[in-house]
């Protein structure tokens, strides 16, 4: 069953709206709605990259999915996953996503191993049981 189209935010549809974020993140407030629009665009693209191949991208958004063609359950999961990624991006800070994270770093008083996830831990749980194909070889 198709769902109602998501409102446009930055001139192109994204997978979640400002209202979705405000209801998902407890206590969320912002004085810069344009910054939140940009954050939602980046979070939508992060989630989109996590998804498997769905054929041609949507011409208006360059995203893999058109939320209006999804089941109610899938559209809900996609919105919540996008909100979870927006929250993660906000908490981690945009600088986190623009530089390499450590694979292994060592010093006299510290050690680091592995790498930090680019996809927030809540995202996968929000997408669980939604029936979406996931991309292979994606390091969450």
N, C-alpha and C. Protein backbone atom coordinates (compact mmCIF):
# COMPACT_ATOMS: atom_id res chain seq x y z
N UNK A 1 0.84 -1.18 0.00
CA UNK A 1 0.00 0.00 0.00
C UNK A 1 0.88 1.24 0.00
N UNK A 2 0.81 2.09 -1.02
CA UNK A 2 1.63 3.30 -1.08
C UNK A 2 1.29 4.26 0.05
N UNK A 3 2.27 5.07 0.43
CA UNK A 3 2.06 6.05 1.49
C UNK A 3 2.04 7.45 0.90
N UNK A 4 1.62 8.38 1.70
CA UNK A 4 1.59 9.78 1.28
C UNK A 4 3.03 10.25 1.03
N UNK A 5 3.26 11.02 -0.03
CA UNK A 5 4.61 11.50 -0.31
C UNK A 5 5.16 12.31 0.85
N UNK A 6 6.46 12.20 1.04
CA UNK A 6 7.12 13.01 2.05
C UNK A 6 7.25 14.43 1.53
N UNK A 7 7.07 15.43 2.38
CA UNK A 7 7.23 16.81 1.92
C UNK A 7 8.68 17.07 1.51
N UNK A 8 8.83 17.99 0.59
CA UNK A 8 10.18 18.35 0.15
C UNK A 8 10.80 19.25 1.20
N UNK A 9 12.12 19.12 1.35
CA UNK A 9 12.81 19.94 2.34
C UNK A 9 13.83 20.85 1.68
N UNK A 10 14.77 20.31 0.96
CA UNK A 10 15.83 21.13 0.38
C UNK A 10 15.65 21.28 -1.12
N UNK A 11 14.44 21.20 -1.59
CA UNK A 11 14.21 21.29 -3.02
C UNK A 11 14.17 19.91 -3.65
N UNK A 12 14.60 18.91 -2.94
CA UNK A 12 14.52 17.52 -3.40
C UNK A 12 14.03 16.69 -2.24
N UNK A 13 13.23 15.69 -2.52
CA UNK A 13 12.72 14.85 -1.45
C UNK A 13 13.85 14.09 -0.78
N UNK A 14 13.74 13.94 0.51
CA UNK A 14 14.66 13.12 1.28
C UNK A 14 13.82 12.07 1.99
N UNK A 15 14.47 11.16 2.69
CA UNK A 15 13.76 10.05 3.31
C UNK A 15 13.06 10.40 4.63
N UNK A 16 13.30 11.59 5.18
CA UNK A 16 12.63 12.01 6.41
C UNK A 16 12.48 13.53 6.38
N UNK A 17 11.61 14.03 7.22
CA UNK A 17 11.34 15.47 7.27
C UNK A 17 11.79 16.04 8.61
N UNK A 18 11.78 17.36 8.69
CA UNK A 18 12.09 18.04 9.93
C UNK A 18 11.15 17.57 11.03
N UNK A 19 9.86 17.44 10.72
CA UNK A 19 8.88 16.97 11.70
C UNK A 19 9.21 15.56 12.18
N UNK A 20 9.69 14.71 11.27
CA UNK A 20 10.08 13.35 11.66
C UNK A 20 11.22 13.39 12.67
N UNK A 21 12.22 14.23 12.42
CA UNK A 21 13.36 14.34 13.33
C UNK A 21 12.90 14.87 14.68
N UNK A 22 12.05 15.87 14.66
CA UNK A 22 11.57 16.45 15.91
C UNK A 22 10.81 15.44 16.76
N UNK A 23 10.11 14.52 16.13
CA UNK A 23 9.41 13.50 16.92
C UNK A 23 10.30 12.31 17.28
N UNK A 24 11.36 12.07 16.52
CA UNK A 24 12.24 10.93 16.77
C UNK A 24 13.26 11.23 17.87
N UNK A 25 13.88 12.40 17.83
CA UNK A 25 14.94 12.73 18.79
C UNK A 25 14.32 13.48 19.96
N UNK A 26 14.35 12.84 21.10
CA UNK A 26 13.76 13.41 22.31
C UNK A 26 14.41 14.76 22.64
N UNK A 27 13.59 15.79 22.79
CA UNK A 27 14.07 17.10 23.17
C UNK A 27 14.73 17.90 22.06
N UNK A 28 14.60 17.45 20.81
CA UNK A 28 15.26 18.13 19.69
C UNK A 28 14.68 19.52 19.48
N UNK A 29 15.55 20.49 19.36
CA UNK A 29 15.15 21.83 18.93
C UNK A 29 16.24 22.37 18.03
N UNK A 30 15.86 23.24 17.12
CA UNK A 30 16.85 23.87 16.25
C UNK A 30 16.39 25.28 15.92
N UNK A 31 17.35 26.15 15.75
CA UNK A 31 17.04 27.51 15.33
C UNK A 31 17.42 27.71 13.87
N UNK A 32 18.02 26.69 13.27
CA UNK A 32 18.48 26.78 11.88
C UNK A 32 17.88 25.64 11.07
N UNK A 33 16.67 25.86 10.54
CA UNK A 33 16.01 24.79 9.81
C UNK A 33 16.75 24.44 8.52
N UNK A 34 17.46 25.39 7.92
CA UNK A 34 18.23 25.10 6.71
C UNK A 34 19.36 24.11 7.02
N UNK A 35 19.98 24.26 8.19
CA UNK A 35 21.04 23.32 8.59
C UNK A 35 20.46 21.93 8.80
N UNK A 36 19.26 21.84 9.36
CA UNK A 36 18.62 20.55 9.55
C UNK A 36 18.25 19.94 8.21
N UNK A 37 17.81 20.75 7.26
CA UNK A 37 17.52 20.26 5.91
C UNK A 37 18.77 19.63 5.30
N UNK A 38 19.91 20.30 5.45
CA UNK A 38 21.17 19.76 4.90
C UNK A 38 21.57 18.48 5.62
N UNK A 39 21.38 18.45 6.93
CA UNK A 39 21.68 17.25 7.70
C UNK A 39 20.81 16.08 7.24
N UNK A 40 19.54 16.33 7.01
CA UNK A 40 18.64 15.28 6.54
C UNK A 40 19.02 14.80 5.14
N UNK A 41 19.48 15.69 4.30
CA UNK A 41 19.92 15.28 2.97
C UNK A 41 21.12 14.34 3.09
N UNK A 42 22.10 14.69 3.94
CA UNK A 42 23.27 13.83 4.11
C UNK A 42 22.89 12.50 4.75
N UNK A 43 22.00 12.52 5.74
CA UNK A 43 21.56 11.29 6.39
C UNK A 43 20.80 10.40 5.40
N UNK A 44 19.98 11.00 4.55
CA UNK A 44 19.25 10.24 3.54
C UNK A 44 20.22 9.53 2.60
N UNK A 45 21.26 10.22 2.22
CA UNK A 45 22.25 9.63 1.31
C UNK A 45 23.05 8.53 2.01
N UNK A 46 23.33 8.70 3.30
CA UNK A 46 24.01 7.64 4.05
C UNK A 46 23.16 6.37 4.05
N UNK A 47 21.88 6.52 4.37
CA UNK A 47 20.97 5.37 4.41
C UNK A 47 20.82 4.79 3.01
N UNK A 48 20.73 5.65 2.02
CA UNK A 48 20.60 5.21 0.63
C UNK A 48 21.80 4.35 0.22
N UNK A 49 23.00 4.75 0.64
CA UNK A 49 24.21 3.98 0.32
C UNK A 49 24.23 2.63 1.01
N UNK A 50 23.53 2.52 2.12
CA UNK A 50 23.45 1.26 2.86
C UNK A 50 22.54 0.26 2.16
N UNK A 51 21.58 0.77 1.40
CA UNK A 51 20.62 -0.09 0.71
C UNK A 51 21.24 -0.74 -0.52
N UNK A 52 20.71 -1.91 -0.87
CA UNK A 52 21.19 -2.63 -2.05
C UNK A 52 20.77 -1.95 -3.34
N UNK A 53 20.94 -2.65 -4.42
CA UNK A 53 20.61 -2.14 -5.75
C UNK A 53 19.11 -2.23 -5.98
N UNK A 54 18.51 -1.12 -6.34
CA UNK A 54 17.09 -1.07 -6.66
C UNK A 54 16.86 -0.56 -8.07
N UNK A 55 17.83 -0.72 -8.94
CA UNK A 55 17.68 -0.27 -10.33
C UNK A 55 17.99 1.20 -10.48
N UNK A 56 17.28 1.83 -11.37
CA UNK A 56 17.51 3.25 -11.64
C UNK A 56 17.21 4.11 -10.42
N UNK A 57 18.01 5.14 -10.28
CA UNK A 57 17.77 6.11 -9.20
C UNK A 57 16.61 7.01 -9.57
N UNK A 58 16.02 7.62 -8.56
CA UNK A 58 14.91 8.55 -8.77
C UNK A 58 15.46 9.83 -9.39
N UNK A 59 14.94 10.24 -10.53
CA UNK A 59 15.50 11.41 -11.23
C UNK A 59 15.48 12.70 -10.41
N UNK A 60 14.44 12.92 -9.64
CA UNK A 60 14.33 14.18 -8.89
C UNK A 60 15.26 14.25 -7.69
N UNK A 61 15.66 13.10 -7.15
CA UNK A 61 16.43 13.10 -5.90
C UNK A 61 17.79 12.43 -6.01
N UNK A 62 17.99 11.61 -7.03
CA UNK A 62 19.17 10.78 -7.18
C UNK A 62 19.29 9.75 -6.05
N UNK A 63 18.18 9.42 -5.41
CA UNK A 63 18.14 8.38 -4.38
C UNK A 63 17.58 7.10 -5.00
N UNK A 64 17.84 5.97 -4.33
CA UNK A 64 17.43 4.68 -4.86
C UNK A 64 15.92 4.44 -4.77
N UNK A 65 15.29 4.98 -3.73
CA UNK A 65 13.89 4.66 -3.48
C UNK A 65 13.00 5.88 -3.55
N UNK A 66 11.78 5.65 -3.96
CA UNK A 66 10.71 6.65 -3.91
C UNK A 66 9.81 6.22 -2.76
N UNK A 67 9.83 6.94 -1.64
CA UNK A 67 9.04 6.52 -0.48
C UNK A 67 7.55 6.35 -0.76
N UNK A 68 7.03 7.02 -1.77
CA UNK A 68 5.60 6.92 -2.06
C UNK A 68 5.24 5.56 -2.65
N UNK A 69 6.22 4.77 -3.08
CA UNK A 69 5.95 3.45 -3.65
C UNK A 69 6.17 2.33 -2.65
N UNK A 70 6.55 2.65 -1.43
CA UNK A 70 6.85 1.64 -0.42
C UNK A 70 5.61 1.28 0.38
N UNK A 71 5.67 0.15 1.05
CA UNK A 71 4.60 -0.19 1.98
C UNK A 71 4.67 0.78 3.16
N UNK A 72 3.61 0.86 3.90
CA UNK A 72 3.59 1.74 5.08
C UNK A 72 4.72 1.37 6.04
N UNK A 73 4.91 0.08 6.26
CA UNK A 73 5.96 -0.39 7.16
C UNK A 73 7.34 0.01 6.66
N UNK A 74 7.60 -0.16 5.37
CA UNK A 74 8.90 0.20 4.81
C UNK A 74 9.14 1.70 4.87
N UNK A 75 8.13 2.49 4.53
CA UNK A 75 8.29 3.95 4.57
C UNK A 75 8.59 4.42 5.99
N UNK A 76 7.90 3.82 6.96
CA UNK A 76 8.12 4.15 8.37
C UNK A 76 9.54 3.78 8.79
N UNK A 77 9.98 2.58 8.42
CA UNK A 77 11.34 2.13 8.76
C UNK A 77 12.39 3.04 8.12
N UNK A 78 12.17 3.42 6.87
CA UNK A 78 13.11 4.29 6.16
C UNK A 78 13.18 5.66 6.81
N UNK A 79 12.04 6.22 7.21
CA UNK A 79 12.03 7.52 7.90
C UNK A 79 12.78 7.44 9.22
N UNK A 80 12.50 6.40 10.01
CA UNK A 80 13.14 6.28 11.32
C UNK A 80 14.64 6.02 11.19
N UNK A 81 15.03 5.23 10.21
CA UNK A 81 16.47 4.98 9.99
C UNK A 81 17.17 6.27 9.60
N UNK A 82 16.54 7.07 8.78
CA UNK A 82 17.12 8.35 8.37
C UNK A 82 17.23 9.29 9.56
N UNK A 83 16.21 9.32 10.40
CA UNK A 83 16.26 10.14 11.61
C UNK A 83 17.38 9.66 12.54
N UNK A 84 17.54 8.34 12.65
CA UNK A 84 18.61 7.79 13.49
C UNK A 84 19.97 8.19 12.95
N UNK A 85 20.14 8.18 11.62
CA UNK A 85 21.42 8.59 11.03
C UNK A 85 21.63 10.09 11.19
N UNK A 86 20.58 10.88 11.09
CA UNK A 86 20.70 12.33 11.31
C UNK A 86 21.15 12.60 12.75
N UNK A 87 20.56 11.86 13.69
CA UNK A 87 20.95 12.01 15.10
C UNK A 87 22.42 11.63 15.29
N UNK A 88 22.83 10.54 14.67
CA UNK A 88 24.22 10.08 14.77
C UNK A 88 25.17 11.12 14.18
N UNK A 89 24.83 11.63 12.99
CA UNK A 89 25.67 12.66 12.36
C UNK A 89 25.77 13.89 13.26
N UNK A 90 24.67 14.28 13.85
CA UNK A 90 24.67 15.44 14.72
C UNK A 90 25.54 15.19 15.96
N UNK A 91 25.37 14.03 16.57
CA UNK A 91 26.15 13.70 17.78
C UNK A 91 27.64 13.56 17.49
N UNK A 92 27.99 12.95 16.37
CA UNK A 92 29.39 12.72 16.04
C UNK A 92 30.06 13.99 15.51
N UNK A 93 29.28 14.88 14.92
CA UNK A 93 29.82 16.09 14.32
C UNK A 93 30.22 15.83 12.88
N UNK A 94 29.97 16.78 12.02
CA UNK A 94 30.25 16.58 10.59
C UNK A 94 31.73 16.34 10.32
N UNK A 95 32.60 16.85 11.15
CA UNK A 95 34.04 16.64 10.95
C UNK A 95 34.39 15.14 10.99
N UNK A 96 33.65 14.39 11.78
CA UNK A 96 33.86 12.95 11.88
C UNK A 96 33.73 12.29 10.51
N UNK A 97 32.83 12.77 9.67
CA UNK A 97 32.54 12.16 8.38
C UNK A 97 33.44 12.66 7.25
N UNK A 98 34.30 13.62 7.55
CA UNK A 98 35.16 14.17 6.50
C UNK A 98 36.62 13.76 6.64
N UNK A 99 36.93 12.95 7.61
CA UNK A 99 38.32 12.52 7.77
C UNK A 99 38.36 11.02 8.05
N UNK A 100 39.50 10.43 7.78
CA UNK A 100 39.68 9.00 8.07
C UNK A 100 39.64 8.77 9.57
N UNK A 101 39.06 7.65 9.92
CA UNK A 101 39.09 7.23 11.31
C UNK A 101 40.21 6.21 11.45
N UNK A 102 40.58 5.94 12.65
CA UNK A 102 41.72 5.07 12.86
C UNK A 102 41.44 3.63 12.51
N UNK A 103 42.41 2.99 11.88
CA UNK A 103 42.45 1.56 11.71
C UNK A 103 43.31 1.00 12.82
N UNK A 104 44.41 1.67 13.09
CA UNK A 104 45.27 1.36 14.22
C UNK A 104 46.17 2.56 14.46
N UNK A 105 46.13 3.09 15.65
CA UNK A 105 46.97 4.22 16.05
C UNK A 105 47.58 3.85 17.39
N UNK A 106 48.83 4.19 17.58
CA UNK A 106 49.48 3.86 18.84
C UNK A 106 50.27 5.06 19.33
N UNK A 107 50.37 5.18 20.61
CA UNK A 107 51.15 6.25 21.22
C UNK A 107 51.61 5.80 22.59
N UNK A 108 52.35 6.65 23.27
CA UNK A 108 52.87 6.23 24.58
C UNK A 108 51.78 5.97 25.62
N UNK A 109 50.67 6.68 25.52
CA UNK A 109 49.63 6.53 26.54
C UNK A 109 48.29 6.08 25.99
N UNK A 110 48.24 5.66 24.71
CA UNK A 110 46.96 5.25 24.15
C UNK A 110 47.17 4.29 22.99
N UNK A 111 46.11 3.58 22.66
CA UNK A 111 46.07 2.68 21.51
C UNK A 111 44.67 2.70 20.95
N UNK A 112 44.54 2.61 19.66
CA UNK A 112 43.24 2.51 19.01
C UNK A 112 43.32 1.38 18.00
N UNK A 113 42.26 0.67 17.80
CA UNK A 113 42.18 -0.39 16.80
C UNK A 113 40.86 -0.25 16.05
N UNK A 114 40.74 -0.96 14.94
CA UNK A 114 39.49 -0.96 14.20
C UNK A 114 39.17 0.41 13.63
N UNK A 115 37.94 0.59 13.27
CA UNK A 115 37.50 1.89 12.79
C UNK A 115 36.11 2.17 13.32
N UNK A 116 35.80 3.43 13.43
CA UNK A 116 34.50 3.83 13.93
C UNK A 116 33.46 3.73 12.82
N UNK A 117 32.26 3.41 13.17
CA UNK A 117 31.18 3.22 12.20
C UNK A 117 30.74 4.55 11.59
N UNK A 118 30.48 4.54 10.30
CA UNK A 118 29.94 5.71 9.61
C UNK A 118 28.41 5.71 9.64
N UNK A 119 27.84 4.56 9.93
CA UNK A 119 26.39 4.42 10.06
C UNK A 119 26.07 4.22 11.54
N UNK A 120 25.13 4.98 12.05
CA UNK A 120 24.79 4.92 13.47
C UNK A 120 24.22 3.57 13.87
N UNK A 121 24.45 3.17 15.10
CA UNK A 121 23.99 1.87 15.57
C UNK A 121 22.47 1.69 15.53
N UNK A 122 21.70 2.76 15.67
CA UNK A 122 20.24 2.65 15.64
C UNK A 122 19.71 2.40 14.23
N UNK A 123 20.48 2.79 13.21
CA UNK A 123 19.98 2.72 11.83
C UNK A 123 19.61 1.29 11.46
N UNK A 124 20.51 0.36 11.68
CA UNK A 124 20.25 -1.03 11.30
C UNK A 124 19.08 -1.62 12.08
N UNK A 125 18.94 -1.24 13.34
CA UNK A 125 17.79 -1.77 14.09
C UNK A 125 16.48 -1.19 13.58
N UNK A 126 16.50 0.04 13.09
CA UNK A 126 15.28 0.63 12.52
C UNK A 126 14.91 -0.03 11.19
N UNK A 127 15.92 -0.49 10.45
CA UNK A 127 15.66 -1.14 9.16
C UNK A 127 15.39 -2.64 9.29
N UNK A 128 15.65 -3.20 10.47
CA UNK A 128 15.45 -4.63 10.68
C UNK A 128 14.01 -5.01 10.38
N UNK A 129 13.84 -6.12 9.73
CA UNK A 129 12.52 -6.68 9.45
C UNK A 129 11.68 -5.81 8.50
N UNK A 130 12.36 -4.95 7.72
CA UNK A 130 11.63 -4.09 6.78
C UNK A 130 11.60 -4.68 5.37
N UNK A 131 12.44 -5.68 5.13
CA UNK A 131 12.48 -6.30 3.82
C UNK A 131 13.36 -5.60 2.81
N UNK A 132 14.10 -4.57 3.24
CA UNK A 132 14.99 -3.88 2.31
C UNK A 132 16.21 -4.74 2.01
N UNK A 133 16.67 -4.69 0.76
CA UNK A 133 17.94 -5.31 0.40
C UNK A 133 19.05 -4.39 0.90
N UNK A 134 20.07 -5.00 1.46
CA UNK A 134 21.21 -4.21 1.94
C UNK A 134 22.38 -4.39 1.00
N UNK A 135 23.17 -3.34 0.87
CA UNK A 135 24.37 -3.41 0.02
C UNK A 135 25.37 -4.35 0.64
N UNK A 136 26.15 -5.01 -0.19
CA UNK A 136 27.20 -5.87 0.34
C UNK A 136 28.51 -5.08 0.39
N UNK A 137 29.34 -5.44 1.31
CA UNK A 137 30.64 -4.80 1.44
C UNK A 137 30.59 -3.41 2.04
N UNK A 138 29.47 -3.05 2.67
CA UNK A 138 29.35 -1.74 3.32
C UNK A 138 29.80 -1.89 4.76
N UNK A 139 30.75 -1.08 5.15
CA UNK A 139 31.20 -1.09 6.54
C UNK A 139 30.35 -0.11 7.31
N UNK A 140 29.45 -0.64 8.09
CA UNK A 140 28.59 0.23 8.90
C UNK A 140 29.41 0.76 10.02
